[in-house]
Amino acid sequence: MINRKKTPDGLPFRLYANMGKFKVSFGYKLPDNTWAFRLSAKANNPEEITQVKQEAIKRANELNGNFAPLGSTGKLIERYFVWQQALKPGDARRKAKSTLDENLVEQKNLVKVFGNMPPQTIKPKHIYGYLAARADAGAPAKANKEIALLSAIFEYGRTRGELETNPCRDIKYNPTRPSDKYVKTEHLEFALDEARKRGGSYQIQALCFYAAFLTTSRPSEMRELTRKAITPLGLEIVVGKARATQTVKKKLIEWSPKLRATIDEAVALQRTPGLLIFSNTSGQQYTRSGWTTIWTRLMGYCEKRAEAEGVTFERFTLKDMRPKGVTERKERGDVNIKDATGHSDDRMIDKTYDRRRIRKSVSTE
């Protein structure tokens, strides 16, 4: 009899992942400990890994008796992701890899609720019920993103002639409150100090956080930062948000002593040199779940140490680094902050990322 997985990995029952240095594989183990199937992909090919993983999950769900019937919303969702992953780079309809990765997580909740329903039977009242239930569970903003994904899937279905209307159209999303969280410098430095004491992945991730702050960058821009970004003048970073039809934009963050030291330290820590600057011990990009697990543990260690030392500490995430960078640049009077963030104008910067509590100015006369 097969034992339950000791560490939840988000995969169906009996489906196991093996992340090797050169090959990634997904296999379904039967009760007699033989493999029903094993699918593999090259470790340096994220797109192939995603395709193989989705196929393995599909087969595992079928073997477990947990699959969506033909003509269901669950099947439409499956076809949507197969279609997205088959689109060629540069196709205006293709989503960014980071967006698709997030969507693959979001679709799980949609499948639980709508998976067995024919898409033609889903009405606005069902969508509102979903939004309300997720909001009551404490995830109003996440619910909005999930319904936005469902709307995109239904639009895909409409283009294929599978349904006449999109029930998500004109839906009023959950009201959300923009975050005003500002990470104090002493808390960031405290976490970096604790990470250095523990070493390994903790140190790599903390350096990634510090680099994100210094470069005012998005989480995806830092997690996917390659050694090619290192130039004599500074870090040349590909701006993460760009449509497939747009020319790839880059920003150059010139070297400062702290930025240079941070990048050098991260590269020196790599046991297996790879393309990425902030990679795992195999030289590959951290999985989303792996990244979250390691950072959550570090935040727990920081809280315990702070309590023992009688100092304050508040948890933070990688997405908090960009607002911190913008806010500190605003405080010191920087101009053209959009050159550091990669935005085309200042509207989003002022509305979303500027977390100053007090706006300073001088007397008129």
Protein backbone atom coordinates (compact mmCIF):
# COMPACT_ATOMS: atom_id res chain seq x y z
CA MET A 1 0.00 0.00 0.00
CA ILE A 2 1.39 3.39 -1.00
CA ASN A 3 1.99 5.95 1.74
CA ARG A 4 0.57 9.45 1.70
CA LYS A 5 2.96 12.16 0.58
CA LYS A 6 4.79 13.65 3.53
CA THR A 7 5.06 17.06 1.91
CA PRO A 8 2.08 18.43 -0.07
CA ASP A 9 3.18 19.33 -3.60
CA GLY A 10 -0.14 20.22 -5.22
CA LEU A 11 -0.09 17.15 -7.47
CA PRO A 12 -2.92 14.56 -7.66
CA PHE A 13 -2.82 11.47 -5.45
CA ARG A 14 -0.16 8.94 -6.58
CA LEU A 15 1.49 11.42 -8.97
CA TYR A 16 5.12 12.17 -8.09
CA ALA A 17 7.60 14.69 -9.46
CA ASN A 18 11.34 14.13 -9.72
CA MET A 19 13.36 17.30 -10.33
CA GLY A 20 16.73 16.15 -11.61
CA LYS A 21 19.69 18.17 -12.75
CA PHE A 22 19.17 17.35 -16.42
CA LYS A 23 15.69 15.85 -16.51
CA VAL A 24 12.35 16.51 -14.81
CA SER A 25 9.87 13.64 -14.66
CA PHE A 26 6.31 13.02 -13.44
CA GLY A 27 5.17 9.49 -12.67
CA TYR A 28 2.02 7.77 -11.41
CA LYS A 29 2.69 4.94 -8.94
CA LEU A 30 0.14 2.14 -8.66
CA PRO A 31 -0.78 0.40 -5.37
CA ASP A 32 1.70 -2.41 -6.17
CA ASN A 33 4.50 0.21 -6.42
CA THR A 34 4.84 -0.13 -10.20
CA TRP A 35 4.63 2.90 -12.47
CA ALA A 36 1.49 3.35 -14.57
CA PHE A 37 3.36 5.96 -16.58
CA ARG A 38 6.36 8.27 -16.38
CA LEU A 39 6.67 11.42 -18.48
CA SER A 40 9.87 13.45 -18.68
CA ALA A 41 11.21 16.73 -20.02
CA LYS A 42 14.56 18.47 -20.20
CA ALA A 43 15.29 20.44 -17.02
CA ASN A 44 16.37 23.51 -18.99
CA ASN A 45 13.12 23.72 -21.00
CA PRO A 46 10.36 25.31 -18.84
CA GLU A 47 7.75 25.14 -21.62
CA GLU A 48 8.30 21.42 -22.13
CA ILE A 49 8.12 20.86 -18.36
CA THR A 50 4.79 22.69 -18.17
CA GLN A 51 3.33 20.64 -21.03
CA VAL A 52 4.51 17.35 -19.56
CA LYS A 53 3.24 18.29 -16.11
CA GLN A 54 -0.22 19.14 -17.43
CA GLU A 55 -0.41 15.88 -19.36
CA ALA A 56 0.69 13.93 -16.27
CA ILE A 57 -1.93 15.66 -14.10
CA LYS A 58 -4.60 14.91 -16.69
CA ARG A 59 -3.69 11.22 -16.81
CA ALA A 60 -3.45 10.98 -13.01
CA ASN A 61 -6.88 12.54 -12.56
CA GLU A 62 -8.33 10.06 -15.03
CA LEU A 63 -6.73 7.14 -13.18
CA ASN A 64 -8.01 8.55 -9.87
CA GLY A 65 -11.53 8.87 -11.30
CA ASN A 66 -11.32 12.63 -10.86
CA PHE A 67 -11.80 14.10 -14.31
CA ALA A 68 -14.16 16.53 -15.96
CA PRO A 69 -16.81 15.06 -18.29
CA LEU A 70 -16.80 15.88 -21.99
CA GLY A 71 -18.52 19.19 -22.80
CA SER A 72 -17.86 20.52 -19.30
CA THR A 73 -16.24 23.74 -18.18
CA GLY A 74 -13.38 21.64 -16.83
CA LYS A 75 -12.63 20.33 -20.31
CA LEU A 76 -12.87 23.85 -21.74
CA ILE A 77 -10.33 25.02 -19.16
CA GLU A 78 -7.99 22.17 -20.14
CA ARG A 79 -8.26 23.06 -23.83
CA TYR A 80 -7.63 26.72 -23.09
CA PHE A 81 -4.26 25.98 -21.47
CA VAL A 82 -3.27 23.52 -24.19
CA TRP A 83 -4.07 26.24 -26.74
CA GLN A 84 -2.12 28.91 -24.81
CA GLN A 85 0.95 26.73 -24.47
CA ALA A 86 0.86 25.85 -28.17
CA LEU A 87 0.88 29.50 -29.29
CA LYS A 88 4.19 30.62 -30.76
CA PRO A 89 6.29 33.26 -29.01
CA GLY A 90 5.37 36.63 -30.45
CA ASP A 91 1.71 35.71 -30.94
CA ALA A 92 -0.37 38.60 -29.55
CA ARG A 93 -2.76 36.10 -27.93
CA ARG A 94 -0.04 34.35 -25.93
CA LYS A 95 0.24 35.27 -22.26
CA ALA A 96 3.54 35.80 -20.49
CA LYS A 97 5.01 32.70 -18.85
CA SER A 98 4.69 34.23 -15.36
CA THR A 99 1.02 34.99 -16.02
CA LEU A 100 0.33 31.46 -17.28
CA ASP A 101 2.07 29.96 -14.26
CA GLU A 102 -0.18 32.02 -11.99
CA ASN A 103 -3.25 31.11 -14.06
CA LEU A 104 -2.49 27.40 -13.68
CA VAL A 105 -2.75 27.85 -9.92
CA GLU A 106 -5.90 29.97 -10.17
CA GLN A 107 -7.76 27.49 -12.37
CA LYS A 108 -7.73 24.85 -9.61
CA ASN A 109 -10.39 26.73 -7.60
CA LEU A 110 -12.43 27.32 -10.75
CA VAL A 111 -12.40 23.62 -11.59
CA LYS A 112 -13.57 22.69 -8.09
CA VAL A 113 -16.68 24.87 -8.44
CA PHE A 114 -17.45 24.98 -12.16
CA GLY A 115 -15.53 21.97 -13.51
CA ASN A 116 -18.46 19.58 -14.01
CA MET A 117 -20.93 22.22 -15.19
CA PRO A 118 -21.56 22.71 -18.92
CA PRO A 119 -20.37 26.25 -19.73
CA GLN A 120 -23.76 27.08 -21.28
CA THR A 121 -25.47 26.57 -17.89
CA ILE A 122 -23.28 29.01 -15.97
CA LYS A 123 -25.10 32.29 -15.28
CA PRO A 124 -24.06 35.63 -13.75
CA LYS A 125 -25.68 34.54 -10.47
CA HIS A 126 -23.19 31.66 -10.27
CA ILE A 127 -20.30 34.05 -10.87
CA TYR A 128 -21.54 36.43 -8.16
CA GLY A 129 -21.97 33.49 -5.79
CA TYR A 130 -18.36 32.47 -6.42
CA LEU A 131 -17.07 36.01 -5.84
CA ALA A 132 -19.05 36.31 -2.60
CA ALA A 133 -17.94 32.92 -1.28
CA ARG A 134 -14.26 33.60 -1.98
CA ALA A 135 -14.56 37.08 -0.43
CA ASP A 136 -16.14 35.56 2.70
CA ALA A 137 -13.19 33.15 2.81
CA GLY A 138 -10.81 36.14 2.91
CA ALA A 139 -9.68 36.20 -0.72
CA PRO A 140 -11.67 38.91 -2.53
CA ALA A 141 -8.79 40.08 -4.72
CA LYS A 142 -7.78 36.54 -5.67
CA ALA A 143 -11.41 35.79 -6.56
CA ASN A 144 -11.40 38.75 -8.95
CA LYS A 145 -8.33 37.37 -10.72
CA GLU A 146 -9.86 33.89 -10.94
CA ILE A 147 -13.06 35.22 -12.50
CA ALA A 148 -11.01 37.35 -14.91
CA LEU A 149 -9.29 34.12 -15.98
CA LEU A 150 -12.64 32.35 -16.31
CA SER A 151 -13.86 35.22 -18.48
CA ALA A 152 -10.83 34.79 -20.77
CA ILE A 153 -11.55 31.06 -20.99
CA PHE A 154 -15.18 31.68 -21.90
CA GLU A 155 -14.10 34.15 -24.58
CA TYR A 156 -11.84 31.43 -25.97
CA GLY A 157 -14.87 29.12 -25.98
CA ARG A 158 -16.93 31.72 -27.84
CA THR A 159 -14.30 31.99 -30.57
CA ARG A 160 -14.58 28.22 -30.98
CA GLY A 161 -18.37 28.35 -31.20
CA GLU A 162 -18.86 26.41 -27.97
CA LEU A 163 -21.07 28.99 -26.24
CA GLU A 164 -23.02 32.08 -27.25
CA THR A 165 -22.47 34.40 -24.30
CA ASN A 166 -19.86 35.03 -21.64
CA PRO A 167 -21.55 35.10 -18.20
CA CYS A 168 -18.58 37.00 -16.75
CA ARG A 169 -19.22 40.01 -18.98
CA ASP A 170 -20.22 43.20 -17.09
CA ILE A 171 -19.75 41.48 -13.72
CA LYS A 172 -18.93 43.83 -10.84
CA TYR A 173 -15.87 42.49 -9.10
CA ASN A 174 -15.25 42.44 -5.37
CA PRO A 175 -14.20 45.85 -4.05
CA THR A 176 -10.59 45.71 -2.90
CA ARG A 177 -8.39 48.03 -0.95
CA PRO A 178 -4.98 48.83 -2.45
CA SER A 179 -2.11 47.76 -0.25
CA ASP A 180 -0.33 50.49 1.68
CA LYS A 181 2.31 48.19 3.16
CA TYR A 182 5.77 49.69 3.44
CA VAL A 183 8.68 47.50 4.49
CA LYS A 184 11.06 49.20 6.88
CA THR A 185 14.73 49.11 5.95
CA GLU A 186 15.66 47.62 9.33
CA HIS A 187 13.25 44.72 8.72
CA LEU A 188 14.74 44.00 5.29
CA GLU A 189 18.27 44.12 6.69
CA PHE A 190 17.21 41.94 9.64
CA ALA A 191 15.90 39.27 7.26
CA LEU A 192 19.06 39.46 5.14
CA ASP A 193 21.22 39.02 8.26
CA GLU A 194 19.19 36.01 9.41
CA ALA A 195 19.36 34.50 5.91
CA ARG A 196 23.14 34.86 5.80
CA LYS A 197 23.42 33.04 9.12
CA ARG A 198 21.37 30.14 7.75
CA GLY A 199 22.93 30.19 4.27
CA GLY A 200 21.82 28.18 1.25
CA SER A 201 18.44 28.95 -0.29
CA TYR A 202 17.58 31.38 2.49
CA GLN A 203 20.56 33.54 1.60
CA ILE A 204 19.90 33.32 -2.17
CA GLN A 205 16.29 34.42 -1.72
CA ALA A 206 17.13 37.26 0.66
CA LEU A 207 19.69 38.58 -1.82
CA CYS A 208 17.02 38.41 -4.53
CA PHE A 209 14.73 40.51 -2.31
CA TYR A 210 17.48 43.05 -1.72
CA ALA A 211 18.26 43.25 -5.44
CA ALA A 212 14.55 43.76 -6.19
CA PHE A 213 14.54 46.71 -3.79
CA LEU A 214 17.74 48.22 -5.22
CA THR A 215 16.50 47.88 -8.82
CA THR A 216 12.81 48.67 -8.14
CA SER A 217 11.82 45.50 -9.97
CA ARG A 218 8.87 43.13 -10.25
CA PRO A 219 9.12 39.68 -8.62
CA SER A 220 9.24 37.94 -12.03
CA GLU A 221 12.01 40.24 -13.23
CA MET A 222 14.21 39.16 -10.33
CA ARG A 223 13.32 35.48 -10.17
CA GLU A 224 14.01 35.15 -13.92
CA LEU A 225 17.11 37.38 -13.95
CA THR A 226 19.91 35.75 -15.94
CA ARG A 227 23.67 36.21 -15.93
CA LYS A 228 23.32 37.90 -19.32
CA ALA A 229 21.85 40.85 -17.42
CA ILE A 230 25.25 41.58 -15.88
CA THR A 231 27.00 44.24 -17.97
CA PRO A 232 29.95 46.56 -17.31
CA LEU A 233 27.54 49.48 -16.78
CA GLY A 234 24.99 47.73 -14.57
CA LEU A 235 22.09 45.27 -14.64
CA GLU A 236 20.21 45.21 -17.93
CA ILE A 237 16.79 43.86 -16.93
CA VAL A 238 14.02 42.78 -19.28
CA VAL A 239 10.85 44.61 -18.26
CA GLY A 240 8.37 41.90 -17.27
CA LYS A 241 5.10 43.37 -18.51
CA ALA A 242 4.97 43.60 -22.29
CA ARG A 243 2.47 42.44 -24.91
CA ALA A 244 3.64 39.84 -27.38
CA THR A 245 3.30 42.38 -30.20
CA GLN A 246 5.47 44.94 -28.44
CA THR A 247 9.22 45.21 -28.73
CA VAL A 248 10.96 43.79 -25.68
CA LYS A 249 11.83 46.62 -23.31
CA LYS A 250 14.83 46.68 -21.03
CA LYS A 251 15.96 48.93 -18.23
CA LEU A 252 19.56 49.51 -17.21
CA ILE A 253 20.13 49.95 -13.48
CA GLU A 254 23.63 51.32 -13.11
CA TRP A 255 25.94 49.77 -10.58
CA SER A 256 26.08 51.04 -7.04
CA PRO A 257 28.44 49.47 -4.49
CA LYS A 258 25.49 47.71 -2.78
CA LEU A 259 24.00 46.39 -6.02
CA ARG A 260 27.34 45.15 -7.30
CA ALA A 261 28.07 43.41 -3.97
CA THR A 262 24.60 41.82 -3.86
CA ILE A 263 24.88 40.31 -7.34
CA ASP A 264 28.45 39.13 -6.77
CA GLU A 265 27.43 37.44 -3.53
CA ALA A 266 24.50 35.65 -5.19
CA VAL A 267 26.63 34.36 -8.08
CA ALA A 268 29.37 33.19 -5.71
CA LEU A 269 26.84 31.11 -3.73
CA GLN A 270 25.76 28.97 -6.68
CA ARG A 271 26.80 25.35 -6.27
CA THR A 272 25.74 24.50 -9.82
CA PRO A 273 26.27 27.49 -12.12
CA GLY A 274 23.30 28.06 -14.41
CA LEU A 275 21.68 30.75 -16.49
CA LEU A 276 19.93 32.39 -13.53
CA ILE A 277 21.47 34.62 -10.90
CA PHE A 278 19.05 33.60 -8.14
CA SER A 279 18.75 29.86 -8.83
CA ASN A 280 18.23 26.81 -6.64
CA THR A 281 20.98 24.32 -5.81
CA SER A 282 20.48 22.61 -9.19
CA GLY A 283 21.00 25.85 -11.08
CA GLN A 284 17.29 25.99 -12.01
CA GLN A 285 14.52 28.45 -11.19
CA TYR A 286 12.67 27.83 -7.94
CA THR A 287 9.14 26.55 -8.31
CA ARG A 288 6.48 28.91 -7.03
CA SER A 289 5.58 26.57 -4.17
CA GLY A 290 9.22 25.91 -3.29
CA TRP A 291 10.00 29.61 -3.23
CA THR A 292 7.02 30.36 -0.97
CA THR A 293 7.85 27.53 1.43
CA ILE A 294 11.47 28.61 1.92
CA TRP A 295 10.61 32.28 2.39
CA THR A 296 7.77 31.50 4.82
CA ARG A 297 10.19 29.50 6.95
CA LEU A 298 12.69 32.36 6.95
CA MET A 299 9.99 34.81 8.03
CA GLY A 300 9.15 32.46 10.91
CA TYR A 301 12.81 32.33 11.99
CA CYS A 302 12.96 36.14 11.85
CA GLU A 303 9.88 36.50 14.04
CA LYS A 304 11.27 34.14 16.67
CA ARG A 305 14.64 35.90 16.71
CA ALA A 306 13.03 39.34 16.86
CA GLU A 307 10.91 38.27 19.82
CA ALA A 308 13.96 36.88 21.62
CA GLU A 309 15.91 40.09 20.99
CA GLY A 310 13.02 42.39 21.90
CA VAL A 311 12.82 44.12 18.51
CA THR A 312 9.98 44.53 16.02
CA PHE A 313 9.65 42.60 12.79
CA GLU A 314 6.87 42.30 10.20
CA ARG A 315 6.67 39.71 7.48
CA PHE A 316 6.93 40.81 3.86
CA THR A 317 7.00 39.29 0.38
CA LEU A 318 8.92 39.87 -2.84
CA LYS A 319 6.12 42.01 -4.29
CA ASP A 320 6.65 44.49 -1.41
CA MET A 321 10.14 45.37 -2.64
CA ARG A 322 9.02 47.39 -5.66
CA PRO A 323 6.83 49.78 -3.62
CA LYS A 324 9.69 50.17 -1.14
CA GLY A 325 12.09 51.09 -3.94
CA VAL A 326 9.64 53.59 -5.46
CA THR A 327 8.86 55.17 -2.08
CA GLU A 328 12.50 55.69 -1.16
CA ARG A 329 13.25 57.16 -4.58
CA LYS A 330 10.32 59.56 -4.09
CA GLU A 331 11.60 60.49 -0.64
CA ARG A 332 14.99 61.52 -1.98
CA GLY A 333 13.47 63.49 -4.85
CA ASP A 334 14.35 61.27 -7.79
CA VAL A 335 12.90 62.24 -11.16
CA ASN A 336 12.02 59.86 -14.00
CA ILE A 337 11.32 56.98 -11.62
CA LYS A 338 9.57 55.27 -14.52
CA ASP A 339 13.02 54.66 -15.99
CA ALA A 340 13.76 52.51 -12.93
CA THR A 341 10.41 50.69 -12.92
CA GLY A 342 10.00 50.29 -16.66
CA HIS A 343 6.60 52.01 -16.79
CA SER A 344 5.63 54.19 -19.73
CA ASP A 345 4.15 56.91 -17.51
CA ASP A 346 3.91 57.92 -13.84
CA ARG A 347 0.22 57.10 -13.29
CA MET A 348 0.68 53.56 -11.99
CA ILE A 349 3.75 54.58 -9.99
CA ASP A 350 1.89 57.33 -8.15
CA LYS A 351 -1.32 55.33 -7.66
CA THR A 352 0.05 51.93 -6.68
CA TYR A 353 3.68 52.03 -5.59
CA ASP A 354 4.18 55.33 -3.77
CA ARG A 355 3.67 54.41 -0.09
CA ARG A 356 4.77 57.67 1.53
CA ARG A 357 2.70 58.45 4.63
CA ILE A 358 3.70 62.13 4.61
CA ARG A 359 4.20 64.26 1.48
CA LYS A 360 6.80 66.93 2.07
CA SER A 361 7.01 70.33 0.43
CA VAL A 362 8.17 73.86 1.18
CA SER A 363 6.20 76.98 1.96
CA THR A 364 4.84 78.91 -1.02
CA GLU A 365 6.72 82.00 0.13
